[in-house]
Amino acid sequence: MSFPSSAKRAKQILKLVHNDVFGPMSVPSLGKSLYHVSFIDDFSMNTWIYFLSKKSKVFDRLRDFKALVENQIEKKIKVIRTYNGGEFCKKELEELYKKFGRHSRSLIHTHLNKMDL
């Protein structure tokens, strides 16, 4: 069952970015990737997807994504929301999350939780 449509959304771009990793896929991409990582801006619903050869590349793509959007939009990401999957709990990722305003975690296998932003 999904959350009611009255769930609040972020009030400005990059205030909340949802991040998730998918895979392994049963059929690899043309570049032989079995995973992909997505970033969704809660305000604009703009979505960025990076293909990954393995889950351990999440750190590199998160770093690349942060640099790309913050330079293009000239704003900082305030909150990055992930679920408590193992790929998001590594020490190198925790260090990178400290560069964000806040790292928020939702429960595994639930609809993306909303917060009052």
PDB file of N, CA and C in Angstrom:
ATOM      1  N   MET A   1       0.849  -1.172   0.000  1.00  0.00           N
ATOM      2  CA  MET A   1       0.000   0.000   0.000  1.00  0.00           C
ATOM      3  C   MET A   1       0.899   1.240   0.000  1.00  0.00           C
ATOM      4  N   SER A   2       0.613   2.180  -0.872  1.00  0.00           N
ATOM      5  CA  SER A   2       1.450   3.369  -0.968  1.00  0.00           C
ATOM      6  C   SER A   2       0.972   4.448  -0.002  1.00  0.00           C
ATOM      7  N   PHE A   3       1.832   5.434   0.207  1.00  0.00           N
ATOM      8  CA  PHE A   3       1.500   6.552   1.079  1.00  0.00           C
ATOM      9  C   PHE A   3       0.444   7.433   0.423  1.00  0.00           C
ATOM     10  N   PRO A   4      -0.347   8.159   1.207  1.00  0.00           N
ATOM     11  CA  PRO A   4      -1.350   9.051   0.619  1.00  0.00           C
ATOM     12  C   PRO A   4      -0.692  10.131  -0.237  1.00  0.00           C
ATOM     13  N   SER A   5      -1.434  10.638  -1.216  1.00  0.00           N
ATOM     14  CA  SER A   5      -0.881  11.631  -2.139  1.00  0.00           C
ATOM     15  C   SER A   5      -0.584  12.961  -1.454  1.00  0.00           C
ATOM     16  N   SER A   6      -1.031  13.139  -0.238  1.00  0.00           N
ATOM     17  CA  SER A   6      -0.769  14.383   0.477  1.00  0.00           C
ATOM     18  C   SER A   6       0.623  14.427   1.101  1.00  0.00           C
ATOM     19  N   ALA A   7       1.428  13.376   0.855  1.00  0.00           N
ATOM     20  CA  ALA A   7       2.788  13.362   1.393  1.00  0.00           C
ATOM     21  C   ALA A   7       3.535  14.596   0.905  1.00  0.00           C
ATOM     22  N   LYS A   8       4.286  15.216   1.786  1.00  0.00           N
ATOM     23  CA  LYS A   8       4.964  16.471   1.441  1.00  0.00           C
ATOM     24  C   LYS A   8       6.191  16.213   0.588  1.00  0.00           C
ATOM     25  N   ARG A   9       6.444  17.156  -0.289  1.00  0.00           N
ATOM     26  CA  ARG A   9       7.605  17.110  -1.151  1.00  0.00           C
ATOM     27  C   ARG A   9       8.573  18.209  -0.730  1.00  0.00           C
ATOM     28  N   ALA A  10       9.798  18.074  -1.166  1.00  0.00           N
ATOM     29  CA  ALA A  10      10.790  19.119  -0.922  1.00  0.00           C
ATOM     30  C   ALA A  10      10.316  20.414  -1.571  1.00  0.00           C
ATOM     31  N   LYS A  11      10.689  21.527  -0.976  1.00  0.00           N
ATOM     32  CA  LYS A  11      10.219  22.828  -1.459  1.00  0.00           C
ATOM     33  C   LYS A  11      11.201  23.523  -2.403  1.00  0.00           C
ATOM     34  N   GLN A  12      12.362  22.916  -2.621  1.00  0.00           N
ATOM     35  CA  GLN A  12      13.316  23.482  -3.569  1.00  0.00           C
ATOM     36  C   GLN A  12      14.231  22.385  -4.087  1.00  0.00           C
ATOM     37  N   ILE A  13      14.868  22.682  -5.218  1.00  0.00           N
ATOM     38  CA  ILE A  13      15.729  21.710  -5.873  1.00  0.00           C
ATOM     39  C   ILE A  13      16.937  21.369  -4.989  1.00  0.00           C
ATOM     40  N   LEU A  14      17.313  20.116  -4.981  1.00  0.00           N
ATOM     41  CA  LEU A  14      18.429  19.532  -4.230  1.00  0.00           C
ATOM     42  C   LEU A  14      18.232  19.568  -2.709  1.00  0.00           C
ATOM     43  N   LYS A  15      17.045  19.882  -2.246  1.00  0.00           N
ATOM     44  CA  LYS A  15      16.790  19.836  -0.802  1.00  0.00           C
ATOM     45  C   LYS A  15      16.775  18.383  -0.321  1.00  0.00           C
ATOM     46  N   LEU A  16      16.258  17.484  -1.161  1.00  0.00           N
ATOM     47  CA  LEU A  16      16.215  16.054  -0.846  1.00  0.00           C
ATOM     48  C   LEU A  16      16.446  15.265  -2.124  1.00  0.00           C
ATOM     49  N   VAL A  17      17.439  14.391  -2.116  1.00  0.00           N
ATOM     50  CA  VAL A  17      17.744  13.536  -3.260  1.00  0.00           C
ATOM     51  C   VAL A  17      17.659  12.085  -2.791  1.00  0.00           C
ATOM     52  N   HIS A  18      16.830  11.300  -3.488  1.00  0.00           N
ATOM     53  CA  HIS A  18      16.698   9.870  -3.196  1.00  0.00           C
ATOM     54  C   HIS A  18      17.738   9.116  -4.014  1.00  0.00           C
ATOM     55  N   ASN A  19      18.329   8.107  -3.412  1.00  0.00           N
ATOM     56  CA  ASN A  19      19.411   7.351  -4.038  1.00  0.00           C
ATOM     57  C   ASN A  19      19.152   5.868  -3.840  1.00  0.00           C
ATOM     58  N   ASP A  20      19.256   5.080  -4.920  1.00  0.00           N
ATOM     59  CA  ASP A  20      19.031   3.638  -4.808  1.00  0.00           C
ATOM     60  C   ASP A  20      19.883   2.906  -5.837  1.00  0.00           C
ATOM     61  N   VAL A  21      20.207   1.656  -5.522  1.00  0.00           N
ATOM     62  CA  VAL A  21      20.964   0.791  -6.420  1.00  0.00           C
ATOM     63  C   VAL A  21      20.064  -0.380  -6.814  1.00  0.00           C
ATOM     64  N   PHE A  22      20.079  -0.730  -8.099  1.00  0.00           N
ATOM     65  CA  PHE A  22      19.277  -1.837  -8.604  1.00  0.00           C
ATOM     66  C   PHE A  22      20.189  -2.878  -9.233  1.00  0.00           C
ATOM     67  N   GLY A  23      19.831  -4.143  -9.066  1.00  0.00           N
ATOM     68  CA  GLY A  23      20.581  -5.215  -9.712  1.00  0.00           C
ATOM     69  C   GLY A  23      20.871  -6.337  -8.755  1.00  0.00           C
ATOM     70  N   PRO A  24      21.468  -7.387  -9.227  1.00  0.00           N
ATOM     71  CA  PRO A  24      21.944  -7.550 -10.600  1.00  0.00           C
ATOM     72  C   PRO A  24      20.784  -7.834 -11.562  1.00  0.00           C
ATOM     73  N   MET A  25      20.922  -7.323 -12.757  1.00  0.00           N
ATOM     74  CA  MET A  25      19.930  -7.544 -13.804  1.00  0.00           C
ATOM     75  C   MET A  25      20.196  -8.894 -14.449  1.00  0.00           C
ATOM     76  N   SER A  26      19.165  -9.504 -14.956  1.00  0.00           N
ATOM     77  CA  SER A  26      19.332 -10.814 -15.591  1.00  0.00           C
ATOM     78  C   SER A  26      20.005 -10.692 -16.952  1.00  0.00           C
ATOM     79  N   VAL A  27      19.876  -9.515 -17.584  1.00  0.00           N
ATOM     80  CA  VAL A  27      20.517  -9.275 -18.879  1.00  0.00           C
ATOM     81  C   VAL A  27      21.408  -8.042 -18.730  1.00  0.00           C
ATOM     82  N   PRO A  28      22.697  -8.160 -19.002  1.00  0.00           N
ATOM     83  CA  PRO A  28      23.586  -6.998 -18.870  1.00  0.00           C
ATOM     84  C   PRO A  28      23.289  -5.935 -19.924  1.00  0.00           C
ATOM     85  N   SER A  29      23.678  -4.692 -19.628  1.00  0.00           N
ATOM     86  CA  SER A  29      23.526  -3.597 -20.582  1.00  0.00           C
ATOM     87  C   SER A  29      24.498  -3.801 -21.740  1.00  0.00           C
ATOM     88  N   LEU A  30      24.416  -2.938 -22.735  1.00  0.00           N
ATOM     89  CA  LEU A  30      25.343  -3.031 -23.865  1.00  0.00           C
ATOM     90  C   LEU A  30      26.788  -2.893 -23.418  1.00  0.00           C
ATOM     91  N   GLY A  31      27.010  -2.129 -22.339  1.00  0.00           N
ATOM     92  CA  GLY A  31      28.355  -1.958 -21.796  1.00  0.00           C
ATOM     93  C   GLY A  31      28.716  -3.022 -20.768  1.00  0.00           C
ATOM     94  N   LYS A  32      27.898  -4.053 -20.665  1.00  0.00           N
ATOM     95  CA  LYS A  32      28.123  -5.197 -19.759  1.00  0.00           C
ATOM     96  C   LYS A  32      27.853  -4.885 -18.288  1.00  0.00           C
ATOM     97  N   SER A  33      27.122  -3.821 -18.007  1.00  0.00           N
ATOM     98  CA  SER A  33      26.796  -3.475 -16.618  1.00  0.00           C
ATOM     99  C   SER A  33      25.620  -4.310 -16.133  1.00  0.00           C
ATOM    100  N   LEU A  34      25.701  -4.764 -14.889  1.00  0.00           N
ATOM    101  CA  LEU A  34      24.627  -5.554 -14.282  1.00  0.00           C
ATOM    102  C   LEU A  34      23.845  -4.763 -13.247  1.00  0.00           C
ATOM    103  N   TYR A  35      24.337  -3.580 -12.882  1.00  0.00           N
ATOM    104  CA  TYR A  35      23.702  -2.760 -11.849  1.00  0.00           C
ATOM    105  C   TYR A  35      23.516  -1.349 -12.380  1.00  0.00           C
ATOM    106  N   HIS A  36      22.615  -0.618 -11.742  1.00  0.00           N
ATOM    107  CA  HIS A  36      22.556   0.818 -11.972  1.00  0.00           C
ATOM    108  C   HIS A  36      22.160   1.510 -10.684  1.00  0.00           C
ATOM    109  N   VAL A  37      22.608   2.761 -10.572  1.00  0.00           N
ATOM    110  CA  VAL A  37      22.304   3.568  -9.393  1.00  0.00           C
ATOM    111  C   VAL A  37      21.507   4.769  -9.879  1.00  0.00           C
ATOM    112  N   SER A  38      20.455   5.099  -9.125  1.00  0.00           N
ATOM    113  CA  SER A  38      19.616   6.236  -9.507  1.00  0.00           C
ATOM    114  C   SER A  38      19.664   7.316  -8.443  1.00  0.00           C
ATOM    115  N   PHE A  39      19.490   8.545  -8.900  1.00  0.00           N
ATOM    116  CA  PHE A  39      19.396   9.724  -8.047  1.00  0.00           C
ATOM    117  C   PHE A  39      18.160  10.486  -8.509  1.00  0.00           C
ATOM    118  N   ILE A  40      17.230  10.755  -7.601  1.00  0.00           N
ATOM    119  CA  ILE A  40      15.990  11.446  -7.943  1.00  0.00           C
ATOM    120  C   ILE A  40      15.843  12.661  -7.045  1.00  0.00           C
ATOM    121  N   ASP A  41      15.773  13.840  -7.664  1.00  0.00           N
ATOM    122  CA  ASP A  41      15.532  15.063  -6.908  1.00  0.00           C
ATOM    123  C   ASP A  41      14.057  15.105  -6.535  1.00  0.00           C
ATOM    124  N   ASP A  42      13.758  15.226  -5.243  1.00  0.00           N
ATOM    125  CA  ASP A  42      12.393  15.158  -4.751  1.00  0.00           C
ATOM    126  C   ASP A  42      11.543  16.323  -5.240  1.00  0.00           C
ATOM    127  N   PHE A  43      12.121  17.477  -5.430  1.00  0.00           N
ATOM    128  CA  PHE A  43      11.370  18.661  -5.856  1.00  0.00           C
ATOM    129  C   PHE A  43      11.020  18.600  -7.346  1.00  0.00           C
ATOM    130  N   SER A  44      12.015  18.428  -8.187  1.00  0.00           N
ATOM    131  CA  SER A  44      11.814  18.485  -9.640  1.00  0.00           C
ATOM    132  C   SER A  44      11.491  17.123 -10.244  1.00  0.00           C
ATOM    133  N   MET A  45      11.776  16.067  -9.523  1.00  0.00           N
ATOM    134  CA  MET A  45      11.660  14.691  -9.994  1.00  0.00           C
ATOM    135  C   MET A  45      12.639  14.393 -11.133  1.00  0.00           C
ATOM    136  N   ASN A  46      13.635  15.260 -11.327  1.00  0.00           N
ATOM    137  CA  ASN A  46      14.703  14.950 -12.277  1.00  0.00           C
ATOM    138  C   ASN A  46      15.392  13.689 -11.801  1.00  0.00           C
ATOM    139  N   THR A  47      15.751  12.839 -12.741  1.00  0.00           N
ATOM    140  CA  THR A  47      16.343  11.548 -12.416  1.00  0.00           C
ATOM    141  C   THR A  47      17.642  11.366 -13.193  1.00  0.00           C
ATOM    142  N   TRP A  48      18.668  10.917 -12.504  1.00  0.00           N
ATOM    143  CA  TRP A  48      19.958  10.592 -13.102  1.00  0.00           C
ATOM    144  C   TRP A  48      20.205   9.118 -12.839  1.00  0.00           C
ATOM    145  N   ILE A  49      20.654   8.401 -13.865  1.00  0.00           N
ATOM    146  CA  ILE A  49      20.935   6.971 -13.717  1.00  0.00           C
ATOM    147  C   ILE A  49      22.337   6.712 -14.250  1.00  0.00           C
ATOM    148  N   TYR A  50      23.116   6.003 -13.445  1.00  0.00           N
ATOM    149  CA  TYR A  50      24.464   5.600 -13.832  1.00  0.00           C
ATOM    150  C   TYR A  50      24.506   4.074 -13.858  1.00  0.00           C
ATOM    151  N   PHE A  51      25.119   3.516 -14.894  1.00  0.00           N
ATOM    152  CA  PHE A  51      25.299   2.082 -14.975  1.00  0.00           C
ATOM    153  C   PHE A  51      26.565   1.691 -14.221  1.00  0.00           C
ATOM    154  N   LEU A  52      26.523   0.534 -13.579  1.00  0.00           N
ATOM    155  CA  LEU A  52      27.647   0.062 -12.765  1.00  0.00           C
ATOM    156  C   LEU A  52      28.027  -1.355 -13.173  1.00  0.00           C
ATOM    157  N   SER A  53      29.319  -1.618 -13.247  1.00  0.00           N
ATOM    158  CA  SER A  53      29.767  -2.982 -13.516  1.00  0.00           C
ATOM    159  C   SER A  53      29.655  -3.839 -12.260  1.00  0.00           C
ATOM    160  N   LYS A  54      29.767  -3.190 -11.088  1.00  0.00           N
ATOM    161  CA  LYS A  54      29.600  -3.887  -9.808  1.00  0.00           C
ATOM    162  C   LYS A  54      29.153  -2.891  -8.751  1.00  0.00           C
ATOM    163  N   LYS A  55      28.555  -3.387  -7.679  1.00  0.00           N
ATOM    164  CA  LYS A  55      28.005  -2.524  -6.635  1.00  0.00           C
ATOM    165  C   LYS A  55      29.061  -1.660  -5.963  1.00  0.00           C
ATOM    166  N   SER A  56      30.265  -2.116  -5.928  1.00  0.00           N
ATOM    167  CA  SER A  56      31.319  -1.359  -5.253  1.00  0.00           C
ATOM    168  C   SER A  56      31.608  -0.018  -5.937  1.00  0.00           C
ATOM    169  N   LYS A  57      31.061   0.210  -7.123  1.00  0.00           N
ATOM    170  CA  LYS A  57      31.266   1.469  -7.849  1.00  0.00           C
ATOM    171  C   LYS A  57      30.292   2.559  -7.394  1.00  0.00           C
ATOM    172  N   VAL A  58      29.398   2.263  -6.449  1.00  0.00           N
ATOM    173  CA  VAL A  58      28.427   3.251  -5.959  1.00  0.00           C
ATOM    174  C   VAL A  58      29.146   4.496  -5.458  1.00  0.00           C
ATOM    175  N   PHE A  59      30.218   4.338  -4.709  1.00  0.00           N
ATOM    176  CA  PHE A  59      30.960   5.472  -4.154  1.00  0.00           C
ATOM    177  C   PHE A  59      31.396   6.427  -5.258  1.00  0.00           C
ATOM    178  N   ASP A  60      31.989   5.892  -6.324  1.00  0.00           N
ATOM    179  CA  ASP A  60      32.474   6.734  -7.422  1.00  0.00           C
ATOM    180  C   ASP A  60      31.331   7.499  -8.088  1.00  0.00           C
ATOM    181  N   ARG A  61      30.213   6.818  -8.319  1.00  0.00           N
ATOM    182  CA  ARG A  61      29.080   7.478  -8.980  1.00  0.00           C
ATOM    183  C   ARG A  61      28.436   8.524  -8.075  1.00  0.00           C
ATOM    184  N   LEU A  62      28.371   8.273  -6.780  1.00  0.00           N
ATOM    185  CA  LEU A  62      27.813   9.255  -5.849  1.00  0.00           C
ATOM    186  C   LEU A  62      28.683  10.512  -5.838  1.00  0.00           C
ATOM    187  N   ARG A  63      29.973  10.323  -5.802  1.00  0.00           N
ATOM    188  CA  ARG A  63      30.912  11.455  -5.842  1.00  0.00           C
ATOM    189  C   ARG A  63      30.769  12.232  -7.154  1.00  0.00           C
ATOM    190  N   ASP A  64      30.662  11.511  -8.272  1.00  0.00           N
ATOM    191  CA  ASP A  64      30.492  12.150  -9.584  1.00  0.00           C
ATOM    192  C   ASP A  64      29.173  12.919  -9.653  1.00  0.00           C
ATOM    193  N   PHE A  65      28.104  12.305  -9.168  1.00  0.00           N
ATOM    194  CA  PHE A  65      26.789  12.938  -9.192  1.00  0.00           C
ATOM    195  C   PHE A  65      26.785  14.230  -8.381  1.00  0.00           C
ATOM    196  N   LYS A  66      27.338  14.171  -7.187  1.00  0.00           N
ATOM    197  CA  LYS A  66      27.383  15.354  -6.307  1.00  0.00           C
ATOM    198  C   LYS A  66      28.110  16.505  -7.009  1.00  0.00           C
ATOM    199  N   ALA A  67      29.258  16.223  -7.578  1.00  0.00           N
ATOM    200  CA  ALA A  67      30.030  17.262  -8.269  1.00  0.00           C
ATOM    201  C   ALA A  67      29.255  17.809  -9.469  1.00  0.00           C
ATOM    202  N   LEU A  68      28.639  16.945 -10.246  1.00  0.00           N
ATOM    203  CA  LEU A  68      27.903  17.357 -11.434  1.00  0.00           C
ATOM    204  C   LEU A  68      26.750  18.293 -11.101  1.00  0.00           C
ATOM    205  N   VAL A  69      25.845  17.858 -10.234  1.00  0.00           N
ATOM    206  CA  VAL A  69      24.646  18.670  -9.998  1.00  0.00           C
ATOM    207  C   VAL A  69      24.950  19.940  -9.211  1.00  0.00           C
ATOM    208  N   GLU A  70      25.862  19.869  -8.266  1.00  0.00           N
ATOM    209  CA  GLU A  70      26.166  21.074  -7.495  1.00  0.00           C
ATOM    210  C   GLU A  70      26.858  22.127  -8.360  1.00  0.00           C
ATOM    211  N   ASN A  71      27.639  21.704  -9.338  1.00  0.00           N
ATOM    212  CA  ASN A  71      28.266  22.658 -10.258  1.00  0.00           C
ATOM    213  C   ASN A  71      27.256  23.207 -11.262  1.00  0.00           C
ATOM    214  N   GLN A  72      26.382  22.363 -11.772  1.00  0.00           N
ATOM    215  CA  GLN A  72      25.409  22.810 -12.767  1.00  0.00           C
ATOM    216  C   GLN A  72      24.354  23.722 -12.161  1.00  0.00           C
ATOM    217  N   ILE A  73      23.865  23.377 -10.991  1.00  0.00           N
ATOM    218  CA  ILE A  73      22.744  24.097 -10.388  1.00  0.00           C
ATOM    219  C   ILE A  73      23.212  25.195  -9.439  1.00  0.00           C
ATOM    220  N   GLU A  74      24.466  25.120  -9.032  1.00  0.00           N
ATOM    221  CA  GLU A  74      25.057  26.088  -8.103  1.00  0.00           C
ATOM    222  C   GLU A  74      24.336  26.110  -6.763  1.00  0.00           C
ATOM    223  N   LYS A  75      23.906  24.927  -6.325  1.00  0.00           N
ATOM    224  CA  LYS A  75      23.326  24.720  -4.995  1.00  0.00           C
ATOM    225  C   LYS A  75      23.923  23.442  -4.453  1.00  0.00           C
ATOM    226  N   LYS A  76      23.896  23.312  -3.139  1.00  0.00           N
ATOM    227  CA  LYS A  76      24.397  22.107  -2.486  1.00  0.00           C
ATOM    228  C   LYS A  76      23.243  21.144  -2.219  1.00  0.00           C
ATOM    229  N   ILE A  77      23.528  19.857  -2.282  1.00  0.00           N
ATOM    230  CA  ILE A  77      22.542  18.854  -1.881  1.00  0.00           C
ATOM    231  C   ILE A  77      22.416  18.948  -0.368  1.00  0.00           C
ATOM    232  N   LYS A  78      21.194  19.104   0.118  1.00  0.00           N
ATOM    233  CA  LYS A  78      20.965  19.248   1.564  1.00  0.00           C
ATOM    234  C   LYS A  78      20.819  17.898   2.257  1.00  0.00           C
ATOM    235  N   VAL A  79      20.009  17.004   1.678  1.00  0.00           N
ATOM    236  CA  VAL A  79      19.774  15.683   2.274  1.00  0.00           C
ATOM    237  C   VAL A  79      19.841  14.646   1.174  1.00  0.00           C
ATOM    238  N   ILE A  80      20.583  13.586   1.406  1.00  0.00           N
ATOM    239  CA  ILE A  80      20.571  12.440   0.500  1.00  0.00           C
ATOM    240  C   ILE A  80      19.916  11.302   1.254  1.00  0.00           C
ATOM    241  N   ARG A  81      18.925  10.677   0.652  1.00  0.00           N
ATOM    242  CA  ARG A  81      18.190   9.599   1.318  1.00  0.00           C
ATOM    243  C   ARG A  81      18.464   8.282   0.621  1.00  0.00           C
ATOM    244  N   THR A  82      18.927   7.329   1.398  1.00  0.00           N
ATOM    245  CA  THR A  82      19.162   5.970   0.917  1.00  0.00           C
ATOM    246  C   THR A  82      18.389   5.025   1.817  1.00  0.00           C
ATOM    247  N   TYR A  83      18.340   3.770   1.425  1.00  0.00           N
ATOM    248  CA  TYR A  83      17.805   2.778   2.338  1.00  0.00           C
ATOM    249  C   TYR A  83      18.988   2.129   3.044  1.00  0.00           C
ATOM    250  N   ASN A  84      18.729   1.271   3.984  1.00  0.00           N
ATOM    251  CA  ASN A  84      19.799   0.700   4.799  1.00  0.00           C
ATOM    252  C   ASN A  84      20.485  -0.496   4.149  1.00  0.00           C
ATOM    253  N   GLY A  85      20.563  -0.502   2.833  1.00  0.00           N
ATOM    254  CA  GLY A  85      21.242  -1.587   2.139  1.00  0.00           C
ATOM    255  C   GLY A  85      22.743  -1.532   2.394  1.00  0.00           C
ATOM    256  N   GLY A  86      23.390  -2.660   2.317  1.00  0.00           N
ATOM    257  CA  GLY A  86      24.812  -2.766   2.615  1.00  0.00           C
ATOM    258  C   GLY A  86      25.697  -1.881   1.770  1.00  0.00           C
ATOM    259  N   GLU A  87      25.302  -1.631   0.511  1.00  0.00           N
ATOM    260  CA  GLU A  87      26.146  -0.804  -0.356  1.00  0.00           C
ATOM    261  C   GLU A  87      26.207   0.640   0.100  1.00  0.00           C
ATOM    262  N   PHE A  88      25.271   1.068   0.981  1.00  0.00           N
ATOM    263  CA  PHE A  88      25.260   2.444   1.463  1.00  0.00           C
ATOM    264  C   PHE A  88      25.878   2.582   2.857  1.00  0.00           C
ATOM    265  N   CYS A  89      26.340   1.510   3.444  1.00  0.00           N
ATOM    266  CA  CYS A  89      26.827   1.550   4.821  1.00  0.00           C
ATOM    267  C   CYS A  89      28.341   1.373   4.911  1.00  0.00           C
ATOM    268  N   LYS A  90      29.043   1.535   3.839  1.00  0.00           N
ATOM    269  CA  LYS A  90      30.497   1.385   3.850  1.00  0.00           C
ATOM    270  C   LYS A  90      31.161   2.661   4.387  1.00  0.00           C
ATOM    271  N   LYS A  91      32.328   2.489   4.979  1.00  0.00           N
ATOM    272  CA  LYS A  91      33.035   3.612   5.604  1.00  0.00           C
ATOM    273  C   LYS A  91      33.306   4.759   4.624  1.00  0.00           C
ATOM    274  N   GLU A  92      33.751   4.424   3.400  1.00  0.00           N
ATOM    275  CA  GLU A  92      34.051   5.478   2.428  1.00  0.00           C
ATOM    276  C   GLU A  92      32.793   6.275   2.066  1.00  0.00           C
ATOM    277  N   LEU A  93      31.644   5.608   2.021  1.00  0.00           N
ATOM    278  CA  LEU A  93      30.393   6.321   1.752  1.00  0.00           C
ATOM    279  C   LEU A  93      30.004   7.201   2.927  1.00  0.00           C
ATOM    280  N   GLU A  94      30.185   6.704   4.139  1.00  0.00           N
ATOM    281  CA  GLU A  94      29.856   7.507   5.320  1.00  0.00           C
ATOM    282  C   GLU A  94      30.673   8.803   5.335  1.00  0.00           C
ATOM    283  N   GLU A  95      31.944   8.722   4.925  1.00  0.00           N
ATOM    284  CA  GLU A  95      32.777   9.926   4.849  1.00  0.00           C
ATOM    285  C   GLU A  95      32.233  10.902   3.805  1.00  0.00           C
ATOM    286  N   LEU A  96      31.790  10.370   2.663  1.00  0.00           N
ATOM    287  CA  LEU A  96      31.234  11.234   1.631  1.00  0.00           C
ATOM    288  C   LEU A  96      29.905  11.838   2.090  1.00  0.00           C
ATOM    289  N   TYR A  97      29.089  11.063   2.797  1.00  0.00           N
ATOM    290  CA  TYR A  97      27.809  11.581   3.290  1.00  0.00           C
ATOM    291  C   TYR A  97      28.016  12.778   4.219  1.00  0.00           C
ATOM    292  N   LYS A  98      29.125  12.828   4.929  1.00  0.00           N
ATOM    293  CA  LYS A  98      29.399  13.955   5.825  1.00  0.00           C
ATOM    294  C   LYS A  98      29.524  15.262   5.043  1.00  0.00           C
ATOM    295  N   LYS A  99      29.830  15.165   3.743  1.00  0.00           N
ATOM    296  CA  LYS A  99      29.934  16.361   2.914  1.00  0.00           C
ATOM    297  C   LYS A  99      28.564  16.876   2.490  1.00  0.00           C
ATOM    298  N   PHE A 100      27.548  16.025   2.645  1.00  0.00           N
ATOM    299  CA  PHE A 100      26.175  16.456   2.397  1.00  0.00           C
ATOM    300  C   PHE A 100      25.682  17.101   3.678  1.00  0.00           C
ATOM    301  N   GLY A 101      24.620  17.878   3.585  1.00  0.00           N
ATOM    302  CA  GLY A 101      24.050  18.452   4.797  1.00  0.00           C
ATOM    303  C   GLY A 101      23.597  17.374   5.759  1.00  0.00           C
ATOM    304  N   ARG A 102      23.006  16.305   5.225  1.00  0.00           N
ATOM    305  CA  ARG A 102      22.494  15.235   6.073  1.00  0.00           C
ATOM    306  C   ARG A 102      22.292  13.973   5.251  1.00  0.00           C
ATOM    307  N   HIS A 103      22.495  12.828   5.884  1.00  0.00           N
ATOM    308  CA  HIS A 103      22.227  11.538   5.268  1.00  0.00           C
ATOM    309  C   HIS A 103      21.037  10.935   5.996  1.00  0.00           C
ATOM    310  N   SER A 104      19.989  10.643   5.268  1.00  0.00           N
ATOM    311  CA  SER A 104      18.779  10.072   5.836  1.00  0.00           C
ATOM    312  C   SER A 104      18.611   8.663   5.288  1.00  0.00           C
ATOM    313  N   ARG A 105      18.153   7.752   6.128  1.00  0.00           N
ATOM    314  CA  ARG A 105      17.932   6.371   5.696  1.00  0.00           C
ATOM    315  C   ARG A 105      16.472   6.003   5.853  1.00  0.00           C
ATOM    316  N   SER A 106      15.947   5.349   4.841  1.00  0.00           N
ATOM    317  CA  SER A 106      14.588   4.820   4.937  1.00  0.00           C
ATOM    318  C   SER A 106      14.689   3.315   5.164  1.00  0.00           C
ATOM    319  N   LEU A 107      13.584   2.699   5.439  1.00  0.00           N
ATOM    320  CA  LEU A 107      13.554   1.260   5.669  1.00  0.00           C
ATOM    321  C   LEU A 107      13.637   0.517   4.344  1.00  0.00           C
ATOM    322  N   ILE A 108      14.285  -0.626   4.353  1.00  0.00           N
ATOM    323  CA  ILE A 108      14.390  -1.450   3.155  1.00  0.00           C
ATOM    324  C   ILE A 108      12.998  -1.929   2.763  1.00  0.00           C
ATOM    325  N   HIS A 109      12.741  -1.974   1.459  1.00  0.00           N
ATOM    326  CA  HIS A 109      11.499  -2.488   0.875  1.00  0.00           C
ATOM    327  C   HIS A 109      10.272  -1.675   1.262  1.00  0.00           C
ATOM    328  N   THR A 110      10.423  -0.368   1.489  1.00  0.00           N
ATOM    329  CA  THR A 110       9.263   0.480   1.716  1.00  0.00           C
ATOM    330  C   THR A 110       9.255   1.570   0.671  1.00  0.00           C
ATOM    331  N   HIS A 111       8.112   2.176   0.490  1.00  0.00           N
ATOM    332  CA  HIS A 111       7.978   3.344  -0.386  1.00  0.00           C
ATOM    333  C   HIS A 111       8.918   4.411   0.160  1.00  0.00           C
ATOM    334  N   LEU A 112       9.443   5.269  -0.684  1.00  0.00           N
ATOM    335  CA  LEU A 112      10.330   6.338  -0.217  1.00  0.00           C
ATOM    336  C   LEU A 112       9.596   7.196   0.797  1.00  0.00           C
ATOM    337  N   ASN A 113      10.113   7.233   2.008  1.00  0.00           N
ATOM    338  CA  ASN A 113       9.495   8.027   3.078  1.00  0.00           C
ATOM    339  C   ASN A 113       9.629   9.496   2.786  1.00  0.00           C
ATOM    340  N   LYS A 114       8.639  10.284   3.177  1.00  0.00           N
ATOM    341  CA  LYS A 114       8.683  11.723   2.993  1.00  0.00           C
ATOM    342  C   LYS A 114       8.973  12.384   4.341  1.00  0.00           C
ATOM    343  N   MET A 115       9.653  13.485   4.280  1.00  0.00           N
ATOM    344  CA  MET A 115       9.903  14.261   5.502  1.00  0.00           C
ATOM    345  C   MET A 115       9.405  15.674   5.265  1.00  0.00           C
ATOM    346  N   ASP A 116       9.114  16.361   6.299  1.00  0.00           N
ATOM    347  CA  ASP A 116       8.634  17.728   6.173  1.00  0.00           C
ATOM    348  C   ASP A 116       9.814  18.632   5.843  1.00  0.00           C
ATOM    349  N   LEU A 117       9.905  19.033   4.595  1.00  0.00           N
ATOM    350  CA  LEU A 117      11.007  19.873   4.139  1.00  0.00           C
ATOM    351  C   LEU A 117      10.461  21.223   3.826  1.00  0.00           C
TER     352      LEU A 117
END
